[in-house]
């Protein structure tokens, strides 16, 4: 189906200025978590909560397609006692975004920060997610300030890497740590770029973001890592390698690397998926990706560490048979 036909109802009701071009020289303020006039923008919150045997992921997307807005959000909840994955989507074009403080809403799903200060807690209220997220570190911009390349498109990249989780998931108590990402720019995930990403918490109090950005044929065009120390400062991880090990093929037929070896000037880690069956087939974004809990161990900064967090591996666009908007038959 032609993309303009899909957007026709929106053309009749809404129009916004065309997106501002990405400029790698214009790095964002770490604390400016609010909306931008970008072609693609998203907020993610995800967490692995081993104490309460849960993992969760929530994502809000805001698209400006040549002056036509489009919104999508979805969430995934994993019961690690049973391995059951629940995936829900919100496609109603009823969305609002404001800052400061940050307020994000689509339909009945909301992410709101209580005040415009770095330590102010966020409330995430989305279906089964009824959570309070309290920052334990301030927001950062990951060096070099963005992900991607001119070939794949680029996204400014800021995070709150360590938040305390309280509240409930599907009515059950939830406790642990979460990670919040905010990215915006001119990249089209799944259509112009793929990636392998980790956001993990180390037992020494540091947090580690790792990613490989790839072209659609799998060629790695960017490899980057950022370590946010106990002091809250984001520093580039140098000498980085990310080596995929065990592969898993999903029911959709896509293959994801779920176990990895990471090396750098800071040390070596082995990361492994805690639950294999975490593929999300998002009809509202037309993208297939694996999002789920990972654990690991190794030596980092001269000491033994344990690792807990989330991994994300993009598998490409959905086919039309899978309900994709723009994919192949």
Protein backbone atom coordinates (compact mmCIF):
# COMPACT_ATOMS: atom_id res chain seq x y z
CA UNK A 1 0.00 0.00 0.00
CA UNK A 2 1.25 3.47 -0.79
CA UNK A 3 2.58 5.28 2.27
CA UNK A 4 0.62 8.41 1.42
CA UNK A 5 -2.63 6.42 1.37
CA UNK A 6 -1.86 5.19 4.86
CA UNK A 7 -1.28 8.73 6.02
CA UNK A 8 -4.27 10.23 4.18
CA UNK A 9 -6.51 10.47 7.27
CA UNK A 10 -3.76 12.42 9.04
CA UNK A 11 -3.28 14.74 6.09
CA UNK A 12 -6.88 15.83 6.48
CA UNK A 13 -6.56 16.64 10.17
CA UNK A 14 -2.96 17.66 10.98
CA UNK A 15 0.08 19.28 9.51
CA UNK A 16 3.32 20.40 11.16
CA UNK A 17 6.45 22.16 9.92
CA UNK A 18 8.87 19.84 8.14
CA UNK A 19 11.49 18.25 10.37
CA UNK A 20 14.67 20.16 11.17
CA UNK A 21 17.75 18.62 9.55
CA UNK A 22 20.13 16.66 11.77
CA UNK A 23 23.30 18.62 12.60
CA UNK A 24 26.12 16.60 14.27
CA UNK A 25 27.75 19.84 15.43
CA UNK A 26 24.68 20.79 17.48
CA UNK A 27 24.84 18.50 20.50
CA UNK A 28 21.87 18.47 22.88
CA UNK A 29 21.67 19.58 26.48
CA UNK A 30 21.63 16.35 28.55
CA UNK A 31 18.72 17.57 30.64
CA UNK A 32 16.55 18.61 27.65
CA UNK A 33 14.41 15.46 27.52
CA UNK A 34 11.49 17.10 25.75
CA UNK A 35 10.15 16.81 22.19
CA UNK A 36 11.91 18.10 19.08
CA UNK A 37 10.87 18.79 15.50
CA UNK A 38 12.63 15.70 14.16
CA UNK A 39 11.81 13.18 11.45
CA UNK A 40 12.05 10.38 14.02
CA UNK A 41 11.95 10.62 17.81
CA UNK A 42 11.42 8.17 20.63
CA UNK A 43 11.49 7.66 24.38
CA UNK A 44 12.26 4.18 25.74
CA UNK A 45 12.10 2.81 29.28
CA UNK A 46 13.18 -0.77 29.91
CA UNK A 47 14.31 -2.87 32.83
CA UNK A 48 15.33 -6.34 33.95
CA UNK A 49 13.96 -6.96 37.46
CA UNK A 50 15.36 -10.33 38.60
CA UNK A 51 14.27 -9.88 42.23
CA UNK A 52 10.60 -9.82 41.18
CA UNK A 53 11.13 -12.10 38.15
CA UNK A 54 10.02 -9.55 35.53
CA UNK A 55 11.29 -7.60 32.55
CA UNK A 56 9.55 -4.73 30.80
CA UNK A 57 9.93 -2.39 27.86
CA UNK A 58 7.89 0.68 26.89
CA UNK A 59 8.48 2.82 23.82
CA UNK A 60 6.86 5.98 22.48
CA UNK A 61 7.51 7.05 18.87
CA UNK A 62 6.90 10.42 17.23
CA UNK A 63 7.37 10.73 13.47
CA UNK A 64 7.31 13.76 11.18
CA UNK A 65 6.94 12.45 7.63
CA UNK A 66 7.37 15.48 5.36
CA UNK A 67 5.16 17.57 7.62
CA UNK A 68 2.67 14.82 8.49
CA UNK A 69 2.78 13.61 12.11
CA UNK A 70 2.43 9.97 13.11
CA UNK A 71 2.52 8.43 16.60
CA UNK A 72 2.97 4.88 17.87
CA UNK A 73 3.69 3.29 21.21
CA UNK A 74 4.02 -0.22 22.51
CA UNK A 75 5.08 -2.19 25.55
CA UNK A 76 6.30 -5.66 26.39
CA UNK A 77 6.17 -7.47 29.72
CA UNK A 78 7.93 -10.75 30.45
CA UNK A 79 7.03 -13.03 33.36
CA UNK A 80 10.37 -14.70 34.03
CA UNK A 81 8.74 -17.40 36.15
CA UNK A 82 6.98 -18.75 33.06
CA UNK A 83 8.80 -17.07 30.15
CA UNK A 84 5.48 -15.61 28.93
CA UNK A 85 5.84 -12.45 26.84
CA UNK A 86 2.91 -10.00 26.60
CA UNK A 87 3.08 -7.38 23.84
CA UNK A 88 0.61 -4.48 23.54
CA UNK A 89 0.42 -1.58 21.06
CA UNK A 90 -1.24 1.83 20.99
CA UNK A 91 -1.99 3.26 17.57
CA UNK A 92 -4.55 5.99 18.28
CA UNK A 93 -3.34 9.31 16.89
CA UNK A 94 -4.13 11.06 20.16
CA UNK A 95 -0.74 12.12 21.48
CA UNK A 96 0.75 15.09 23.32
CA UNK A 97 4.31 15.96 24.30
CA UNK A 98 5.56 18.80 26.49
CA UNK A 99 8.61 19.94 28.46
CA UNK A 100 9.56 21.07 31.07
CA UNK A 101 8.90 18.87 32.93
CA UNK A 102 8.64 15.95 30.53
CA UNK A 103 5.10 14.82 29.72
CA UNK A 104 4.51 12.17 27.07
CA UNK A 105 1.07 10.75 26.30
CA UNK A 106 -0.56 8.60 23.65
CA UNK A 107 -4.08 7.44 24.35
CA UNK A 108 -4.17 6.41 28.01
CA UNK A 109 -0.44 5.69 28.25
CA UNK A 110 1.72 8.34 29.90
CA UNK A 111 5.26 9.06 31.03
CA UNK A 112 5.49 12.17 33.21
CA UNK A 113 8.23 13.65 35.36
CA UNK A 114 7.03 15.29 38.57
CA UNK A 115 9.30 18.36 38.34
CA UNK A 116 11.94 19.90 36.09
CA UNK A 117 14.91 18.68 38.13
CA UNK A 118 17.26 15.79 37.30
CA UNK A 119 16.34 13.82 40.43
CA UNK A 120 12.55 14.19 40.06
CA UNK A 121 10.82 10.80 39.65
CA UNK A 122 8.95 9.74 36.53
CA UNK A 123 5.54 8.05 36.55
CA UNK A 124 5.05 5.45 33.82
CA UNK A 125 1.39 4.49 33.55
CA UNK A 126 0.73 2.28 30.56
CA UNK A 127 -1.61 -0.69 30.74
CA UNK A 128 0.04 -3.26 33.03
CA UNK A 129 2.90 -0.84 33.85
CA UNK A 130 2.13 1.29 36.91
CA UNK A 131 5.61 2.36 37.89
CA UNK A 132 7.56 5.08 39.65
CA UNK A 133 11.04 5.57 38.21
CA UNK A 134 13.42 7.55 40.43
CA UNK A 135 16.70 8.68 38.82
CA UNK A 136 19.82 7.56 40.69
CA UNK A 137 22.02 9.46 38.22
CA UNK A 138 21.45 12.56 36.13
CA UNK A 139 20.83 12.61 32.36
CA UNK A 140 23.79 12.26 30.00
CA UNK A 141 24.58 12.60 26.31
CA UNK A 142 26.46 9.56 25.06
CA UNK A 143 29.68 10.34 23.21
CA UNK A 144 29.97 11.28 20.38
CA UNK A 145 26.48 12.69 21.00
CA UNK A 146 24.58 10.65 18.44
CA UNK A 147 24.24 7.19 16.93
CA UNK A 148 24.38 6.32 13.24
CA UNK A 149 26.15 7.71 10.19
CA UNK A 150 25.08 9.88 7.23
CA UNK A 151 24.59 6.62 5.31
CA UNK A 152 22.12 5.15 7.82
CA UNK A 153 20.73 8.35 9.28
CA UNK A 154 21.68 9.76 12.67
CA UNK A 155 19.99 10.23 16.03
CA UNK A 156 20.98 12.42 18.97
CA UNK A 157 21.33 10.19 22.01
CA UNK A 158 20.72 10.99 25.67
CA UNK A 159 19.80 8.75 28.60
CA UNK A 160 19.04 8.45 32.25
CA UNK A 161 20.96 5.23 32.71
CA UNK A 162 19.98 4.20 36.24
CA UNK A 163 16.51 4.59 37.74
CA UNK A 164 15.05 2.85 40.77
CA UNK A 165 11.83 0.99 39.94
CA UNK A 166 8.86 0.70 42.29
CA UNK A 167 5.18 0.04 41.73
CA UNK A 168 3.45 -2.83 39.96
CA UNK A 169 3.57 -4.74 36.68
CA UNK A 170 0.38 -6.61 35.82
CA UNK A 171 -0.70 -6.11 39.44
CA UNK A 172 2.45 -7.67 40.90
CA UNK A 173 5.07 -5.75 42.91
CA UNK A 174 8.02 -4.58 40.81
CA UNK A 175 11.48 -3.71 42.14
CA UNK A 176 14.84 -3.18 40.46
CA UNK A 177 16.62 -0.88 38.04
CA UNK A 178 15.56 0.63 34.72
CA UNK A 179 17.09 2.63 31.86
CA UNK A 180 15.54 5.57 29.96
CA UNK A 181 16.62 6.55 26.42
CA UNK A 182 15.65 9.57 24.33
CA UNK A 183 16.76 9.78 20.69
CA UNK A 184 15.80 11.96 17.73
CA UNK A 185 17.07 12.69 14.25
CA UNK A 186 16.69 11.56 10.64
CA UNK A 187 17.18 7.78 10.90
CA UNK A 188 14.45 5.31 9.87
CA UNK A 189 14.89 2.19 12.02
CA UNK A 190 14.51 -1.07 10.14
CA UNK A 191 14.28 0.69 6.77
CA UNK A 192 17.66 2.46 6.67
CA UNK A 193 19.47 1.02 9.69
CA UNK A 194 19.70 -2.04 11.92
CA UNK A 195 21.48 -2.25 15.24
CA UNK A 196 22.58 -4.40 18.17
CA UNK A 197 22.29 -2.52 21.48
CA UNK A 198 22.79 -3.10 25.20
CA UNK A 199 21.95 -0.90 28.17
CA UNK A 200 23.26 -2.66 31.29
CA UNK A 201 24.01 -1.99 34.95
CA UNK A 202 27.28 -3.26 36.44
CA UNK A 203 27.67 -4.31 40.06
CA UNK A 204 30.43 -1.72 40.56
CA UNK A 205 27.84 1.06 40.17
CA UNK A 206 28.61 1.93 36.56
CA UNK A 207 26.27 1.68 33.58
CA UNK A 208 27.26 0.62 30.09
CA UNK A 209 25.69 1.43 26.73
CA UNK A 210 26.97 -0.54 23.73
CA UNK A 211 25.80 -0.59 20.13
CA UNK A 212 26.61 -1.58 16.57
CA UNK A 213 24.79 0.32 13.83
CA UNK A 214 24.46 -1.68 10.59
CA UNK A 215 23.27 -1.22 7.05
CA UNK A 216 20.40 -3.40 5.87
CA UNK A 217 22.86 -5.95 4.46
CA UNK A 218 24.48 -6.34 7.89
CA UNK A 219 27.61 -4.23 7.38
CA UNK A 220 28.70 -2.55 10.64
CA UNK A 221 29.18 1.19 10.07
CA UNK A 222 29.40 2.37 13.68
CA UNK A 223 30.59 0.69 16.87
CA UNK A 224 30.31 2.72 20.05
CA UNK A 225 30.21 2.38 23.80
CA UNK A 226 29.59 4.76 26.68
CA UNK A 227 30.28 4.12 30.34
CA UNK A 228 28.46 6.21 32.94
CA UNK A 229 30.48 5.87 36.11
CA UNK A 230 29.33 6.10 39.69
CA UNK A 231 30.14 9.82 39.35
CA UNK A 232 27.42 10.17 36.69
CA UNK A 233 29.81 11.17 33.90
CA UNK A 234 29.51 9.51 30.45
CA UNK A 235 32.86 8.51 28.94
CA UNK A 236 33.68 6.83 25.65
CA UNK A 237 34.60 3.14 25.85
CA UNK A 238 37.77 2.74 23.80
CA UNK A 239 39.11 -0.33 22.05
CA UNK A 240 35.61 -1.80 21.85
CA UNK A 241 34.69 -5.06 20.16
CA UNK A 242 31.27 -6.77 20.22
CA UNK A 243 31.43 -10.39 19.08
CA UNK A 244 28.14 -12.26 18.53
CA UNK A 245 28.12 -15.86 19.75
CA UNK A 246 24.97 -17.98 20.12
CA UNK A 247 22.29 -17.41 17.46
CA UNK A 248 18.56 -17.91 17.93
CA UNK A 249 15.92 -18.15 15.19
CA UNK A 250 12.51 -16.74 16.11
CA UNK A 251 9.11 -18.12 15.10
CA UNK A 252 9.03 -15.43 12.38
CA UNK A 253 12.19 -16.93 10.86
CA UNK A 254 14.51 -14.05 11.78
CA UNK A 255 17.84 -14.81 13.41
CA UNK A 256 19.24 -12.84 16.35
CA UNK A 257 22.55 -13.14 18.20
CA UNK A 258 21.59 -13.52 21.86
CA UNK A 259 24.95 -14.21 23.51
CA UNK A 260 27.91 -11.84 23.10
CA UNK A 261 31.50 -11.28 24.13
CA UNK A 262 32.45 -7.65 24.72
CA UNK A 263 36.06 -6.50 25.01
CA UNK A 264 37.58 -3.06 25.47
CA UNK A 265 40.37 -1.19 27.17
CA UNK A 266 38.24 -1.47 30.33
CA UNK A 267 38.01 -5.27 30.31
CA UNK A 268 35.88 -8.13 29.02
CA UNK A 269 32.26 -9.14 29.57
CA UNK A 270 30.14 -12.10 28.47
CA UNK A 271 26.47 -11.18 28.03
CA UNK A 272 23.65 -13.72 27.62
CA UNK A 273 19.92 -13.50 27.06
CA UNK A 274 17.86 -14.44 30.11
CA UNK A 275 14.86 -15.47 27.96
CA UNK A 276 15.14 -16.30 24.26
CA UNK A 277 11.61 -15.72 22.98
CA UNK A 278 11.55 -11.90 23.13
CA UNK A 279 10.89 -10.94 19.50
CA UNK A 280 8.42 -8.07 19.07
CA UNK A 281 6.54 -7.72 15.78
CA UNK A 282 5.31 -4.15 15.95
CA UNK A 283 2.55 -3.42 13.47
CA UNK A 284 2.31 0.25 14.48
CA UNK A 285 5.98 0.84 13.55
CA UNK A 286 6.28 -2.01 11.01
CA UNK A 287 9.54 -3.14 12.64
CA UNK A 288 10.61 -6.53 14.02
CA UNK A 289 13.10 -6.53 16.87
CA UNK A 290 14.25 -8.54 19.85
CA UNK A 291 14.02 -6.73 23.18
CA UNK A 292 14.69 -8.55 26.42
CA UNK A 293 16.64 -9.11 29.62
CA UNK A 294 20.32 -10.02 29.60
CA UNK A 295 22.77 -10.96 32.32
CA UNK A 296 26.50 -11.45 32.37
CA UNK A 297 29.78 -11.29 34.17
CA UNK A 298 33.39 -10.48 33.56
CA UNK A 299 36.19 -8.17 34.55
CA UNK A 300 35.73 -4.42 34.14
CA UNK A 301 37.98 -1.64 35.38
CA UNK A 302 40.25 -4.17 37.06
CA UNK A 303 37.59 -5.92 39.11
CA UNK A 304 35.11 -8.76 38.76
CA UNK A 305 31.56 -7.56 37.99
CA UNK A 306 28.08 -8.93 37.54
CA UNK A 307 25.89 -7.44 34.79
CA UNK A 308 22.10 -7.02 34.47
CA UNK A 309 20.16 -5.08 31.85
CA UNK A 310 18.45 -5.16 28.50
CA UNK A 311 19.41 -5.94 24.92
CA UNK A 312 17.83 -4.79 21.68
CA UNK A 313 18.51 -6.22 18.21
CA UNK A 314 16.64 -4.90 15.18
CA UNK A 315 15.59 -7.55 12.67
CA UNK A 316 14.15 -5.32 9.92
CA UNK A 317 10.71 -4.40 8.64
CA UNK A 318 7.62 -6.55 8.87
CA UNK A 319 6.31 -8.15 5.73
CA UNK A 320 2.81 -7.25 4.59
CA UNK A 321 1.73 -10.77 5.57
CA UNK A 322 2.87 -9.97 9.13
CA UNK A 323 0.84 -6.77 9.15
CA UNK A 324 3.65 -4.46 8.13
CA UNK A 325 2.82 -1.17 6.48
CA UNK A 326 5.74 -0.93 4.10
CA UNK A 327 7.38 -4.34 4.02
CA UNK A 328 7.71 -6.88 1.23
CA UNK A 329 4.84 -9.26 0.52
